């Protein structure tokens, strides 16, 4: 077997197991979206109040990513992801044991601190071992694990929560994290590329210096700002799709979980199409097109008088989101290659801080106005975000 082919296969296998970890991580992130009505009913609170469980996870997940970059650069990104998934397996089980909202929020915080290592360090590892010209295509495929995790988390939150209760959903997710950790450790032991990637990566020069390197880069700051806005507005609105469909159309929690899971279908369609689309359209049209599709998806979701049209709206939202978000991901992997782990950590922190802020704003809009108001505001702002970012990319390409 040619050495190059063996190396390619080793990289593909290593990334595939990172995608398994991403599946577990994203299952946990989105699972409470469909469970909010159940949690609210169990604890005798409003949906907006129950959304603190989403907010708390975003706080922890975002905060920990401010420090994980230099740690991953220093000790190895792959090994750090394997350790994080093992810790998350234990902590997710505690969510299922929570007997009050404060206990659930505390457990969600702890899980966020562990699971927050998975995706940014996975992408940073990918940046170490995959050339930039192939990176958006490979990142798009790496996203498939995260997207399937979202689909499972949202659907499981609805279906399993309706059948077995919301607590048992977390026990299922704890088992997923345990399986992901076992797979990563096995791959780390047998695949040299998981250690070679660390050996070839630029060594961390220290927490302060690496953070200064990233924050002094105007391009890195721009990409991070747009990630904060894009992801925050997207999930600040999407967190309420399940509750909106349940309350407006009187649909069961299980059925709502399936409808919300259509978001992942849009993401999977994107992952399948990105390899063919990116050479034809390029990053500028990807960013603009993502913003346009997000506006269409949220706009039709707000205006439709029939629940039957909502799956198509949610698919469009999923496809549009990944068009814009995958472009941002690709840009940040090369913004400061000398501190790639740190850049991905700050990028991911911005994503979850954005969710924390906009989920809170969305909760106020949802409780005081309606889900329709949340979706119209989000769709309008996401359209502007995609178009402005596309304009910035176009200006950079002319320099």
Protein backbone atom coordinates (compact mmCIF):
# COMPACT_ATOMS: atom_id res chain seq x y z
CA UNK A 1 0.00 0.00 0.00
CA UNK A 2 1.46 3.40 -0.89
CA UNK A 3 2.52 5.48 2.10
CA UNK A 4 0.48 8.48 0.98
CA UNK A 5 -2.66 6.35 0.72
CA UNK A 6 -2.07 4.91 4.17
CA UNK A 7 -1.66 8.41 5.58
CA UNK A 8 -4.85 9.61 3.89
CA UNK A 9 -6.76 6.68 5.31
CA UNK A 10 -5.27 7.30 8.76
CA UNK A 11 -6.37 10.93 8.67
CA UNK A 12 -9.85 9.99 7.48
CA UNK A 13 -10.23 7.41 10.25
CA UNK A 14 -8.99 9.80 12.93
CA UNK A 15 -11.42 12.51 11.80
CA UNK A 16 -14.26 9.98 11.65
CA UNK A 17 -13.85 9.21 15.35
CA UNK A 18 -13.72 12.91 16.15
CA UNK A 19 -17.02 13.13 14.30
CA UNK A 20 -18.37 10.47 16.68
CA UNK A 21 -17.38 12.69 19.60
CA UNK A 22 -18.96 15.66 17.83
CA UNK A 23 -22.14 13.61 17.50
CA UNK A 24 -22.26 13.09 21.27
CA UNK A 25 -21.41 16.72 22.02
CA UNK A 26 -24.03 18.20 19.70
CA UNK A 27 -26.65 15.74 20.95
CA UNK A 28 -26.21 17.28 24.38
CA UNK A 29 -26.22 20.87 23.13
CA UNK A 30 -29.57 20.69 21.37
CA UNK A 31 -31.44 18.08 23.41
CA UNK A 32 -33.13 20.59 25.72
CA UNK A 33 -34.71 22.45 22.78
CA UNK A 34 -37.47 19.86 22.47
CA UNK A 35 -37.56 19.13 26.21
CA UNK A 36 -38.24 22.69 27.37
CA UNK A 37 -42.05 22.23 27.63
CA UNK A 38 -41.57 19.01 29.65
CA UNK A 39 -38.97 20.53 31.96
CA UNK A 40 -41.16 23.59 32.46
CA UNK A 41 -44.17 21.43 33.31
CA UNK A 42 -42.20 19.19 35.67
CA UNK A 43 -40.79 22.10 37.66
CA UNK A 44 -43.90 24.31 37.43
CA UNK A 45 -42.29 27.20 35.53
CA UNK A 46 -42.66 28.97 32.15
CA UNK A 47 -40.85 27.88 28.99
CA UNK A 48 -38.86 31.11 29.11
CA UNK A 49 -37.73 30.35 32.66
CA UNK A 50 -36.83 26.76 31.76
CA UNK A 51 -34.62 28.11 28.96
CA UNK A 52 -31.98 28.84 31.62
CA UNK A 53 -30.96 25.21 31.08
CA UNK A 54 -29.99 26.20 27.53
CA UNK A 55 -28.38 29.43 28.74
CA UNK A 56 -26.33 27.65 31.43
CA UNK A 57 -24.89 25.14 28.98
CA UNK A 58 -23.93 27.93 26.58
CA UNK A 59 -22.22 29.83 29.43
CA UNK A 60 -20.08 26.87 30.48
CA UNK A 61 -19.39 25.62 26.97
CA UNK A 62 -18.30 29.07 25.86
CA UNK A 63 -16.27 29.95 28.95
CA UNK A 64 -14.12 26.82 28.94
CA UNK A 65 -13.14 27.39 25.33
CA UNK A 66 -11.23 30.52 26.31
CA UNK A 67 -8.57 28.34 27.93
CA UNK A 68 -8.61 25.05 26.04
CA UNK A 69 -6.69 26.25 22.96
CA UNK A 70 -3.24 26.56 24.56
CA UNK A 71 -3.87 23.35 26.54
CA UNK A 72 -4.69 21.45 23.37
CA UNK A 73 -1.68 22.93 21.56
CA UNK A 74 0.55 21.94 24.48
CA UNK A 75 -0.67 18.43 25.35
CA UNK A 76 -2.25 17.23 22.10
CA UNK A 77 -5.69 18.00 20.73
CA UNK A 78 -6.77 14.42 20.13
CA UNK A 79 -5.88 13.23 23.64
CA UNK A 80 -7.67 16.22 25.19
CA UNK A 81 -10.86 15.42 23.27
CA UNK A 82 -10.69 11.80 24.45
CA UNK A 83 -10.35 12.88 28.09
CA UNK A 84 -13.16 15.43 27.78
CA UNK A 85 -15.65 12.91 26.41
CA UNK A 86 -14.89 10.52 29.28
CA UNK A 87 -15.64 13.24 31.84
CA UNK A 88 -18.79 14.27 29.99
CA UNK A 89 -20.16 10.71 30.15
CA UNK A 90 -20.26 10.90 33.95
CA UNK A 91 -21.57 14.45 34.12
CA UNK A 92 -24.41 13.97 31.63
CA UNK A 93 -25.77 11.16 33.80
CA UNK A 94 -26.06 13.70 36.64
CA UNK A 95 -28.47 15.74 34.49
CA UNK A 96 -30.85 12.79 34.50
CA UNK A 97 -30.64 12.59 38.28
CA UNK A 98 -31.49 16.27 38.83
CA UNK A 99 -34.54 16.75 41.06
CA UNK A 100 -34.87 20.53 40.71
CA UNK A 101 -34.17 23.25 38.17
CA UNK A 102 -31.09 24.51 40.08
CA UNK A 103 -29.70 20.96 40.14
CA UNK A 104 -30.29 20.55 36.42
CA UNK A 105 -28.68 23.90 35.68
CA UNK A 106 -25.63 22.97 37.79
CA UNK A 107 -25.27 19.64 35.99
CA UNK A 108 -25.64 21.31 32.60
CA UNK A 109 -22.91 23.78 33.57
CA UNK A 110 -20.57 20.91 34.47
CA UNK A 111 -21.28 19.08 31.20
CA UNK A 112 -20.62 22.28 29.27
CA UNK A 113 -17.19 22.60 30.87
CA UNK A 114 -16.32 19.06 29.71
CA UNK A 115 -18.04 18.85 26.31
CA UNK A 116 -16.75 22.29 25.31
CA UNK A 117 -13.39 20.75 24.44
CA UNK A 118 -14.67 18.44 21.73
CA UNK A 119 -15.53 20.39 18.59
CA UNK A 120 -13.00 23.29 18.64
CA UNK A 121 -10.05 21.01 19.34
CA UNK A 122 -11.37 18.54 16.77
CA UNK A 123 -11.43 21.30 14.15
CA UNK A 124 -7.99 22.51 15.24
CA UNK A 125 -6.62 18.97 14.81
CA UNK A 126 -8.17 18.89 11.36
CA UNK A 127 -6.48 22.21 10.59
CA UNK A 128 -3.13 20.69 11.60
CA UNK A 129 -3.38 17.71 9.25
CA UNK A 130 -5.52 18.89 6.27
CA UNK A 131 -4.23 21.47 3.72
CA UNK A 132 -6.23 24.73 3.52
CA UNK A 133 -7.36 24.20 -0.08
CA UNK A 134 -9.17 21.00 0.98
CA UNK A 135 -10.26 22.21 4.39
CA UNK A 136 -13.78 23.55 3.75
CA UNK A 137 -14.74 20.34 1.98
CA UNK A 138 -13.30 18.16 4.78
CA UNK A 139 -14.79 20.41 7.48
CA UNK A 140 -18.15 20.08 5.75
CA UNK A 141 -17.91 16.30 6.01
CA UNK A 142 -16.64 16.50 9.60
CA UNK A 143 -19.81 18.46 10.32
CA UNK A 144 -21.86 15.37 9.47
CA UNK A 145 -21.20 13.92 12.94
CA UNK A 146 -22.29 17.15 14.62
CA UNK A 147 -25.36 17.40 12.39
CA UNK A 148 -26.40 13.82 13.10
CA UNK A 149 -25.91 14.61 16.78
CA UNK A 150 -28.25 17.56 16.47
CA UNK A 151 -30.80 15.39 14.70
CA UNK A 152 -30.53 12.71 17.37
CA UNK A 153 -30.58 15.17 20.26
CA UNK A 154 -33.59 17.08 18.97
CA UNK A 155 -35.52 13.98 17.91
CA UNK A 156 -34.55 12.03 21.04
CA UNK A 157 -35.51 15.00 23.17
CA UNK A 158 -38.98 14.87 21.68
CA UNK A 159 -39.59 11.17 21.04
CA UNK A 160 -37.71 9.56 23.95
CA UNK A 161 -38.72 12.36 26.27
CA UNK A 162 -42.38 11.81 25.40
CA UNK A 163 -42.12 8.04 25.79
CA UNK A 164 -39.80 7.65 28.77
CA UNK A 165 -39.52 11.07 30.40
CA UNK A 166 -36.90 13.79 29.96
CA UNK A 167 -34.56 12.38 32.64
CA UNK A 168 -34.00 9.13 30.76
CA UNK A 169 -32.96 11.07 27.68
CA UNK A 170 -29.84 12.19 29.55
CA UNK A 171 -28.95 8.62 30.50
CA UNK A 172 -28.99 7.71 26.80
CA UNK A 173 -26.70 10.66 26.05
CA UNK A 174 -24.32 9.62 28.84
CA UNK A 175 -23.94 6.24 27.11
CA UNK A 176 -23.19 8.02 23.82
CA UNK A 177 -20.36 9.98 25.43
CA UNK A 178 -18.94 6.79 26.94
CA UNK A 179 -18.92 5.10 23.52
CA UNK A 180 -17.29 8.14 21.90
CA UNK A 181 -14.56 8.22 24.54
CA UNK A 182 -13.80 4.52 24.08
CA UNK A 183 -13.54 4.98 20.30
CA UNK A 184 -11.19 7.97 20.64
CA UNK A 185 -8.86 6.26 23.10
CA UNK A 186 -8.67 3.18 20.87
CA UNK A 187 -7.83 5.33 17.86
CA UNK A 188 -5.26 7.32 19.85
CA UNK A 189 -3.53 4.09 20.84
CA UNK A 190 -3.37 2.56 17.36
CA UNK A 191 -3.18 5.51 14.93
CA UNK A 192 0.10 7.50 14.89
CA UNK A 193 -1.51 10.43 13.05
CA UNK A 194 -3.38 11.37 16.23
CA UNK A 195 0.02 12.07 17.80
CA UNK A 196 1.79 13.15 14.61
CA UNK A 197 -0.72 15.96 14.15
CA UNK A 198 0.35 17.29 17.54
CA UNK A 199 4.01 16.89 16.69
CA UNK A 200 3.61 18.85 13.44
CA UNK A 201 1.47 21.60 14.95
CA UNK A 202 2.95 24.86 16.15
CA UNK A 203 3.68 24.58 19.85
CA UNK A 204 1.83 26.85 22.25
CA UNK A 205 3.96 29.81 23.33
CA UNK A 206 1.88 30.27 26.43
CA UNK A 207 -1.68 31.28 27.25
CA UNK A 208 -1.10 35.03 27.17
CA UNK A 209 1.02 35.10 24.02
CA UNK A 210 -1.31 32.82 22.04
CA UNK A 211 -4.34 34.88 22.98
CA UNK A 212 -2.53 38.11 22.07
CA UNK A 213 -1.62 36.61 18.70
CA UNK A 214 -5.25 35.87 17.91
CA UNK A 215 -6.74 39.09 19.27
CA UNK A 216 -4.16 41.27 17.51
CA UNK A 217 -5.26 39.85 14.14
CA UNK A 218 -7.97 42.08 12.67
CA UNK A 219 -9.17 39.24 10.43
CA UNK A 220 -9.43 36.81 13.36
CA UNK A 221 -11.41 39.41 15.34
CA UNK A 222 -13.76 39.94 12.39
CA UNK A 223 -14.47 36.24 11.93
CA UNK A 224 -15.01 35.78 15.68
CA UNK A 225 -17.44 38.72 15.81
CA UNK A 226 -19.51 37.35 12.94
CA UNK A 227 -19.54 33.89 14.54
CA UNK A 228 -20.87 35.49 17.75
CA UNK A 229 -23.67 37.23 15.85
CA UNK A 230 -24.52 34.42 13.42
CA UNK A 231 -24.64 31.55 15.91
CA UNK A 232 -26.22 33.60 18.65
CA UNK A 233 -29.08 34.86 16.50
CA UNK A 234 -29.54 31.48 14.85
CA UNK A 235 -29.90 29.42 18.04
CA UNK A 236 -31.35 32.27 20.05
CA UNK A 237 -34.35 31.81 17.77
CA UNK A 238 -34.12 28.10 16.97
CA UNK A 239 -34.21 27.12 20.66
CA UNK A 240 -37.90 28.12 20.63
CA UNK A 241 -39.03 26.35 17.47
CA UNK A 242 -40.12 23.24 19.39
CA UNK A 243 -42.06 25.18 22.03
CA UNK A 244 -43.61 27.38 19.32
CA UNK A 245 -44.88 24.41 17.30
CA UNK A 246 -46.18 22.68 20.43
CA UNK A 247 -48.06 25.73 21.70
CA UNK A 248 -49.35 27.11 18.38
CA UNK A 249 -50.44 23.88 16.70
CA UNK A 250 -51.00 21.69 19.80
CA UNK A 251 -48.61 19.05 18.48
CA UNK A 252 -47.22 16.32 20.73
CA UNK A 253 -43.70 16.70 22.11
CA UNK A 254 -42.63 13.55 20.23
CA UNK A 255 -43.90 14.86 16.89
CA UNK A 256 -42.37 18.28 17.52
CA UNK A 257 -39.00 16.57 18.08
CA UNK A 258 -39.21 15.01 14.64
CA UNK A 259 -40.15 18.31 13.00
CA UNK A 260 -37.32 20.17 14.69
CA UNK A 261 -34.97 17.38 13.63
CA UNK A 262 -35.51 18.48 10.02
CA UNK A 263 -32.80 21.06 10.75
CA UNK A 264 -30.27 18.24 10.68
CA UNK A 265 -31.66 17.04 7.35
CA UNK A 266 -30.79 20.45 5.91
CA UNK A 267 -27.32 20.14 7.41
CA UNK A 268 -26.80 16.67 5.96
CA UNK A 269 -27.88 17.90 2.54
CA UNK A 270 -25.26 20.62 2.89
CA UNK A 271 -22.57 18.13 3.93
CA UNK A 272 -23.38 16.00 0.88
CA UNK A 273 -23.36 18.98 -1.48
CA UNK A 274 -20.46 21.09 -0.18
CA UNK A 275 -17.80 19.22 -2.15
CA UNK A 276 -19.54 20.01 -5.43
CA UNK A 277 -20.81 23.49 -4.52
CA UNK A 278 -17.76 25.18 -3.05
CA UNK A 279 -15.66 25.07 -6.28
CA UNK A 280 -18.59 26.52 -8.25
CA UNK A 281 -19.85 29.16 -5.83
CA UNK A 282 -16.90 30.07 -3.62
CA UNK A 283 -16.96 31.45 -0.09
CA UNK A 284 -18.50 34.84 -0.98
CA UNK A 285 -21.65 33.33 -2.47
CA UNK A 286 -21.77 30.76 0.32
CA UNK A 287 -21.93 33.50 2.95
CA UNK A 288 -24.54 35.56 1.09
CA UNK A 289 -26.60 32.50 0.17
CA UNK A 290 -26.58 31.27 3.75
CA UNK A 291 -27.99 34.58 4.99
CA UNK A 292 -30.69 34.60 2.31
CA UNK A 293 -31.79 31.02 3.07
CA UNK A 294 -31.91 31.72 6.82
CA UNK A 295 -34.18 34.71 6.22
CA UNK A 296 -36.47 32.64 3.99
CA UNK A 297 -36.60 29.75 6.46
CA UNK A 298 -37.37 31.81 9.56
CA UNK A 299 -39.75 34.08 7.64
CA UNK A 300 -41.88 31.23 6.33
CA UNK A 301 -41.79 29.52 9.73
CA UNK A 302 -43.25 32.66 11.31
CA UNK A 303 -45.91 33.27 8.65
CA UNK A 304 -47.24 29.81 7.86
CA UNK A 305 -50.74 29.01 9.17
CA UNK A 306 -50.15 25.26 8.67
CA UNK A 307 -47.74 23.02 10.57
CA UNK A 308 -47.32 20.84 7.46
CA UNK A 309 -45.03 23.43 5.84
CA UNK A 310 -42.72 23.74 8.85
CA UNK A 311 -40.41 20.80 7.99
CA UNK A 312 -39.42 22.47 4.71
CA UNK A 313 -38.78 25.77 6.51
CA UNK A 314 -36.58 24.00 9.06
CA UNK A 315 -34.64 22.15 6.32
CA UNK A 316 -33.97 25.50 4.60
CA UNK A 317 -32.78 26.96 7.92
CA UNK A 318 -30.39 24.03 8.38
CA UNK A 319 -28.91 24.28 4.89
CA UNK A 320 -28.55 28.06 5.09
CA UNK A 321 -26.96 27.99 8.51
CA UNK A 322 -24.24 25.55 7.48
CA UNK A 323 -23.48 27.48 4.30
CA UNK A 324 -22.66 30.54 6.38
CA UNK A 325 -21.21 28.81 9.43
CA UNK A 326 -18.91 26.44 7.55
CA UNK A 327 -17.45 29.44 5.73
CA UNK A 328 -16.69 31.12 9.06
CA UNK A 329 -15.16 27.88 10.40
CA UNK A 330 -12.86 27.55 7.42
CA UNK A 331 -11.71 31.16 7.69
CA UNK A 332 -10.85 30.91 11.40
CA UNK A 333 -8.70 27.78 10.90
CA UNK A 334 -6.28 29.87 8.85
CA UNK A 335 -6.64 33.31 10.47
CA UNK A 336 -3.72 32.66 12.88
CA UNK A 337 -2.17 29.27 12.05
CA UNK A 338 0.62 29.87 14.59
CA UNK A 339 -2.04 29.75 17.35
CA UNK A 340 -4.72 27.65 15.68
CA UNK A 341 -5.98 25.90 18.81
CA UNK A 342 -6.39 29.19 20.61
CA UNK A 343 -8.16 30.78 17.62
CA UNK A 344 -10.64 27.90 17.44
CA UNK A 345 -11.17 28.10 21.19
CA UNK A 346 -12.00 31.82 21.11
CA UNK A 347 -14.16 31.30 18.00
CA UNK A 348 -16.15 28.57 19.73
CA UNK A 349 -16.41 30.61 22.93
CA UNK A 350 -17.89 33.47 20.93
CA UNK A 351 -20.46 31.07 19.48
CA UNK A 352 -21.72 30.01 22.89
CA UNK A 353 -21.58 33.48 24.40
CA UNK A 354 -23.70 34.55 21.46
CA UNK A 355 -26.19 31.77 22.19
CA UNK A 356 -26.25 32.73 25.87
CA UNK A 357 -27.11 36.34 25.06
CA UNK A 358 -29.60 35.74 22.29
CA UNK A 359 -31.39 32.82 23.98
CA UNK A 360 -32.08 35.23 26.84
CA UNK A 361 -33.35 37.89 24.42
CA UNK A 362 -35.41 35.24 22.64
CA UNK A 363 -36.93 34.12 25.96
CA UNK A 364 -38.13 37.68 26.64
CA UNK A 365 -39.55 38.06 23.13
CA UNK A 366 -41.22 34.64 23.29
CA UNK A 367 -42.89 35.26 26.66
CA UNK A 368 -43.91 38.89 25.99
CA UNK A 369 -44.77 38.76 22.29
CA UNK A 370 -44.67 35.45 20.41
CA UNK A 371 -42.48 32.92 18.69
CA UNK A 372 -43.32 34.64 15.43
CA UNK A 373 -41.66 37.84 16.67
CA UNK A 374 -38.53 35.86 17.57
CA UNK A 375 -38.30 34.31 14.09
CA UNK A 376 -38.94 37.53 12.14
CA UNK A 377 -36.27 39.45 14.08
CA UNK A 378 -33.74 36.60 13.77
CA UNK A 379 -34.34 36.08 10.05
CA UNK A 380 -33.91 39.77 9.28
CA UNK A 381 -30.69 40.09 11.28
CA UNK A 382 -29.21 36.87 9.87
CA UNK A 383 -29.85 38.09 6.33
CA UNK A 384 -27.91 41.26 7.10
CA UNK A 385 -25.10 39.25 8.74
CA UNK A 386 -24.62 36.98 5.71
CA UNK A 387 -24.66 39.82 3.21
CA UNK A 388 -22.25 42.01 5.17
CA UNK A 389 -19.81 39.12 5.70
CA UNK A 390 -19.96 38.30 1.98
CA UNK A 391 -19.11 41.92 1.23
CA UNK A 392 -16.11 41.77 3.57
CA UNK A 393 -14.88 38.57 1.89
CA UNK A 394 -15.24 40.23 -1.50
CA UNK A 395 -13.20 43.22 -0.33
CA UNK A 396 -10.45 40.92 0.99
CA UNK A 397 -10.29 39.03 -2.29
CA UNK A 398 -9.65 42.30 -4.15
CA UNK A 399 -6.65 43.26 -1.98
